[in-house]
């Protein structure tokens, strides 16, 4: 059958942009690999998923998977803690970049929890809802558009995380690079915020964070007017960097 030239269509999708199915698969893989490393992670399944992805995201994911498979588990676990638990600019908790340990972070966390409840999901109380692996799992398996909105709301922090990991030479930079490939490039106000965060770090406040899970904090969720959407029919498993160009060239609190 002869090849036909399709008419040029403007305003649909930018060249090189990832389709939704690719974004879901990429974010699901990244979610699994951004979790604390243990022997139960399905690395063979992850490898198969990566093989089906386009090179733009498959290459960084495959590099990390090679590192993951070639490094002793104890060393992986020690590096994970050193990378994400001791550096404020490498935290995996997205709201920390904009709000630090301040009272404003409590309401930002509530935004994530409400999004999950609206999709019929309830997160275990042992995990904060803004952890990047949790957000990616939610976007990949439950609600891609809402998950994307949550990430875009914290785009500057996500970009700072990518730059910080790259500056450290961390293998985890490849995972965040693949995640960012499913989002628009950073620009405008987000870019200015990245520069500010890179220079100053997350904010600090002596009063501190209103404890997540307090009755007063969760009051909005028990309001009888709040009606989460029905649960999905199928199972859902939620389980100082250099700046580009002119700019001055985090699971840790």
Protein backbone atom coordinates (compact mmCIF):
# COMPACT_ATOMS: atom_id res chain seq x y z
CA UNK A 1 0.00 0.00 0.00
CA UNK A 2 1.56 3.34 -1.02
CA UNK A 3 2.50 5.72 1.73
CA UNK A 4 0.27 8.77 2.01
CA UNK A 5 1.38 12.14 3.26
CA UNK A 6 -0.95 13.38 5.97
CA UNK A 7 -1.81 17.09 5.99
CA UNK A 8 0.08 19.23 8.46
CA UNK A 9 -1.93 19.78 11.64
CA UNK A 10 -1.07 22.62 13.93
CA UNK A 11 -1.80 22.93 17.63
CA UNK A 12 -2.23 19.23 18.32
CA UNK A 13 1.01 18.04 19.86
CA UNK A 14 4.54 19.39 19.72
CA UNK A 15 7.08 17.32 17.81
CA UNK A 16 8.73 14.83 20.11
CA UNK A 17 6.04 15.08 22.79
CA UNK A 18 5.10 11.82 24.47
CA UNK A 19 1.61 10.39 24.05
CA UNK A 20 -0.44 9.60 27.14
CA UNK A 21 0.20 5.85 27.01
CA UNK A 22 3.96 6.45 26.94
CA UNK A 23 3.73 8.94 29.79
CA UNK A 24 1.77 6.46 31.90
CA UNK A 25 4.28 3.67 31.27
CA UNK A 26 7.27 5.95 31.87
CA UNK A 27 5.88 7.30 35.13
CA UNK A 28 4.92 3.81 36.35
CA UNK A 29 8.48 2.59 35.78
CA UNK A 30 9.97 5.69 37.41
CA UNK A 31 7.63 5.29 40.38
CA UNK A 32 8.83 1.74 41.02
CA UNK A 33 12.50 2.67 40.69
CA UNK A 34 12.20 5.80 42.85
CA UNK A 35 10.92 3.72 45.76
CA UNK A 36 13.32 2.54 48.46
CA UNK A 37 15.28 -0.35 46.91
CA UNK A 38 14.48 -3.83 48.18
CA UNK A 39 14.54 -7.40 46.91
CA UNK A 40 10.83 -7.37 46.06
CA UNK A 41 10.98 -4.86 43.22
CA UNK A 42 9.90 -6.49 39.90
CA UNK A 43 13.00 -5.57 37.89
CA UNK A 44 12.31 -8.07 35.09
CA UNK A 45 8.87 -6.55 34.52
CA UNK A 46 10.41 -3.08 34.59
CA UNK A 47 12.97 -4.12 31.97
CA UNK A 48 10.22 -5.38 29.66
CA UNK A 49 8.28 -2.14 30.05
CA UNK A 50 11.37 -0.06 29.24
CA UNK A 51 11.97 -2.00 26.02
CA UNK A 52 8.59 -0.84 24.69
CA UNK A 53 9.29 2.87 25.30
CA UNK A 54 10.77 5.38 22.86
CA UNK A 55 14.49 6.05 23.13
CA UNK A 56 14.07 9.49 24.67
CA UNK A 57 12.83 7.93 27.90
CA UNK A 58 14.00 4.33 27.50
CA UNK A 59 17.69 5.28 27.50
CA UNK A 60 17.79 7.10 30.86
CA UNK A 61 15.53 4.50 32.47
CA UNK A 62 17.68 1.64 31.12
CA UNK A 63 20.84 3.31 32.43
CA UNK A 64 19.40 3.48 35.91
CA UNK A 65 18.12 -0.09 35.73
CA UNK A 66 21.62 -1.27 34.78
CA UNK A 67 22.98 0.59 37.81
CA UNK A 68 20.24 -0.88 39.99
CA UNK A 69 20.99 -4.44 38.90
CA UNK A 70 24.75 -4.07 39.10
CA UNK A 71 24.98 -2.58 42.60
CA UNK A 72 24.72 -4.58 45.86
CA UNK A 73 21.44 -3.99 47.65
CA UNK A 74 23.10 -2.65 50.80
CA UNK A 75 25.01 -0.05 48.81
CA UNK A 76 21.83 0.93 46.97
CA UNK A 77 19.95 1.43 50.22
CA UNK A 78 22.74 3.46 51.78
CA UNK A 79 22.96 5.67 48.68
CA UNK A 80 19.18 6.17 48.64
CA UNK A 81 19.21 7.44 52.23
CA UNK A 82 22.29 9.60 51.62
CA UNK A 83 20.77 11.11 48.48
CA UNK A 84 17.19 11.79 49.50
CA UNK A 85 17.18 11.95 53.30
CA UNK A 86 20.12 14.25 53.95
CA UNK A 87 19.88 16.91 51.23
CA UNK A 88 17.14 19.55 51.23
CA UNK A 89 17.45 20.08 47.48
CA UNK A 90 17.10 16.35 46.77
CA UNK A 91 13.90 15.62 48.66
CA UNK A 92 11.27 13.43 47.00
CA UNK A 93 8.49 15.28 48.86
CA UNK A 94 7.30 17.83 46.32
CA UNK A 95 5.63 20.32 48.67
CA UNK A 96 8.86 20.74 50.64
CA UNK A 97 10.48 22.73 47.83
CA UNK A 98 7.88 25.51 47.94
CA UNK A 99 6.87 25.39 51.59
CA UNK A 100 9.65 23.71 53.57
CA UNK A 101 8.60 22.80 57.11
CA UNK A 102 6.06 25.59 57.36
CA UNK A 103 2.35 25.74 58.08
CA UNK A 104 1.60 26.37 54.41
CA UNK A 105 2.86 22.90 53.61
CA UNK A 106 -0.07 21.37 55.52
CA UNK A 107 -2.63 22.79 53.10
CA UNK A 108 -0.47 21.82 50.13
CA UNK A 109 -0.47 18.22 51.40
CA UNK A 110 -4.23 18.36 51.73
CA UNK A 111 -4.47 19.19 48.01
CA UNK A 112 -2.76 15.88 47.18
CA UNK A 113 -4.91 13.87 49.58
CA UNK A 114 -8.11 15.38 48.20
CA UNK A 115 -7.03 14.47 44.66
CA UNK A 116 -6.55 10.83 45.68
CA UNK A 117 -9.87 10.69 47.54
CA UNK A 118 -11.67 12.23 44.55
CA UNK A 119 -10.41 9.30 42.50
CA UNK A 120 -11.73 6.85 45.11
CA UNK A 121 -8.32 6.13 46.63
CA UNK A 122 -7.08 6.41 50.19
CA UNK A 123 -3.38 6.54 50.94
CA UNK A 124 -1.90 4.65 53.87
CA UNK A 125 -1.28 6.98 56.83
CA UNK A 126 2.37 5.92 56.94
CA UNK A 127 3.13 7.73 53.66
CA UNK A 128 2.87 11.43 52.86
CA UNK A 129 0.84 12.04 49.69
CA UNK A 130 3.38 14.33 47.99
CA UNK A 131 6.14 11.71 47.70
CA UNK A 132 7.15 11.69 44.02
CA UNK A 133 6.84 7.91 43.69
CA UNK A 134 3.27 8.06 45.05
CA UNK A 135 2.25 10.92 42.73
CA UNK A 136 3.67 9.11 39.70
CA UNK A 137 1.87 5.88 40.65
CA UNK A 138 -1.38 7.81 41.01
CA UNK A 139 -0.95 9.51 37.64
CA UNK A 140 0.02 6.28 35.87
CA UNK A 141 -2.72 4.04 37.24
CA UNK A 142 -5.61 6.23 38.39
CA UNK A 143 -5.90 9.75 36.94
CA UNK A 144 -3.25 10.94 34.49
CA UNK A 145 -4.59 14.46 34.08
CA UNK A 146 -4.94 15.14 37.80
CA UNK A 147 -1.55 13.60 38.46
CA UNK A 148 -0.04 15.79 35.77
CA UNK A 149 -1.65 18.86 37.35
CA UNK A 150 -0.13 17.99 40.72
CA UNK A 151 3.31 17.69 39.13
CA UNK A 152 2.88 20.95 37.20
CA UNK A 153 1.86 22.74 40.40
CA UNK A 154 5.29 21.73 41.72
CA UNK A 155 7.20 21.93 38.44
CA UNK A 156 9.89 24.23 39.85
CA UNK A 157 10.66 21.85 42.70
CA UNK A 158 10.77 18.88 40.35
CA UNK A 159 13.21 20.72 38.09
CA UNK A 160 15.38 21.68 41.06
CA UNK A 161 15.42 18.00 42.07
CA UNK A 162 16.57 17.03 38.56
CA UNK A 163 19.30 19.68 38.52
CA UNK A 164 20.47 18.79 42.03
CA UNK A 165 20.73 15.08 41.24
CA UNK A 166 22.54 15.86 37.99
CA UNK A 167 24.96 18.13 39.82
CA UNK A 168 25.68 15.31 42.29
CA UNK A 169 26.26 12.84 39.48
CA UNK A 170 23.52 10.67 40.98
CA UNK A 171 22.09 7.80 38.90
CA UNK A 172 18.66 8.93 40.10
CA UNK A 173 18.96 11.98 37.83
CA UNK A 174 18.09 9.67 34.93
CA UNK A 175 14.77 8.75 36.53
CA UNK A 176 13.73 12.36 37.12
CA UNK A 177 14.86 13.29 33.61
CA UNK A 178 12.51 10.63 32.23
CA UNK A 179 9.68 11.92 34.43
CA UNK A 180 10.20 15.49 33.21
CA UNK A 181 10.06 14.31 29.59
CA UNK A 182 6.32 13.83 30.14
CA UNK A 183 5.86 17.49 31.15
CA UNK A 184 6.25 20.79 29.28
CA UNK A 185 9.70 22.42 29.45
CA UNK A 186 10.31 24.78 32.36
CA UNK A 187 9.84 28.44 31.53
CA UNK A 188 8.48 31.75 32.72
CA UNK A 189 7.58 31.94 36.40
CA UNK A 190 8.63 28.33 37.00
CA UNK A 191 12.12 29.03 35.71
CA UNK A 192 12.42 32.07 37.94
CA UNK A 193 11.26 29.97 40.89
CA UNK A 194 13.88 27.32 40.09
CA UNK A 195 16.57 29.99 40.16
CA UNK A 196 15.29 31.33 43.46
CA UNK A 197 15.13 27.87 45.03
CA UNK A 198 18.60 27.04 43.75
CA UNK A 199 19.97 30.19 45.37
CA UNK A 200 18.01 30.13 48.64
CA UNK A 201 16.75 26.57 49.13
CA UNK A 202 13.30 25.64 50.51
CA UNK A 203 11.78 28.15 52.97
CA UNK A 204 12.14 27.80 56.71
CA UNK A 205 9.83 28.87 59.54
CA UNK A 206 10.29 28.57 63.29
CA UNK A 207 6.64 27.70 63.94
CA UNK A 208 6.93 24.62 61.76
CA UNK A 209 4.53 22.34 59.96
CA UNK A 210 1.03 21.71 61.24
CA UNK A 211 1.08 17.95 61.88
CA UNK A 212 -0.35 16.07 58.92
CA UNK A 213 -3.32 13.94 59.90
CA UNK A 214 -4.51 16.09 62.80
CA UNK A 215 -8.33 16.27 63.14
CA UNK A 216 -8.29 19.96 62.32
CA UNK A 217 -6.14 19.39 59.27
CA UNK A 218 -8.38 16.66 57.88
CA UNK A 219 -11.65 18.47 58.70
CA UNK A 220 -12.30 19.33 55.06
CA UNK A 221 -12.19 15.67 54.15
CA UNK A 222 -14.95 14.77 56.62
CA UNK A 223 -17.23 17.60 55.49
CA UNK A 224 -20.55 15.99 54.38
CA UNK A 225 -20.49 18.20 51.30
CA UNK A 226 -17.31 16.49 50.08
CA UNK A 227 -18.13 13.60 47.75
CA UNK A 228 -15.22 11.61 46.32
CA UNK A 229 -15.77 9.90 42.99
CA UNK A 230 -16.52 6.16 42.91
CA UNK A 231 -13.53 3.88 43.18
CA UNK A 232 -12.02 2.57 39.91
CA UNK A 233 -13.37 -0.76 38.67
CA UNK A 234 -9.91 -2.33 38.64
CA UNK A 235 -7.20 -2.52 41.31
CA UNK A 236 -4.89 0.46 41.76
CA UNK A 237 -1.55 0.02 43.51
CA UNK A 238 -0.39 3.19 45.18
CA UNK A 239 2.27 2.02 46.71
CA UNK A 240 23.06 23.75 45.04
CA UNK A 241 22.78 22.71 41.49
CA UNK A 242 24.04 24.39 38.32
CA UNK A 243 21.45 26.40 36.41
CA UNK A 244 21.23 26.51 32.62
CA UNK A 245 22.37 29.50 30.54
CA UNK A 246 22.33 32.76 32.44
CA UNK A 247 21.19 31.36 35.78
CA UNK A 248 23.71 30.87 38.61
CA UNK A 249 25.85 28.07 37.80
CA UNK A 250 15.30 16.09 48.35
CA UNK A 251 13.79 13.68 50.90
CA UNK A 252 15.64 15.64 53.50
CA UNK A 253 14.42 18.29 55.87
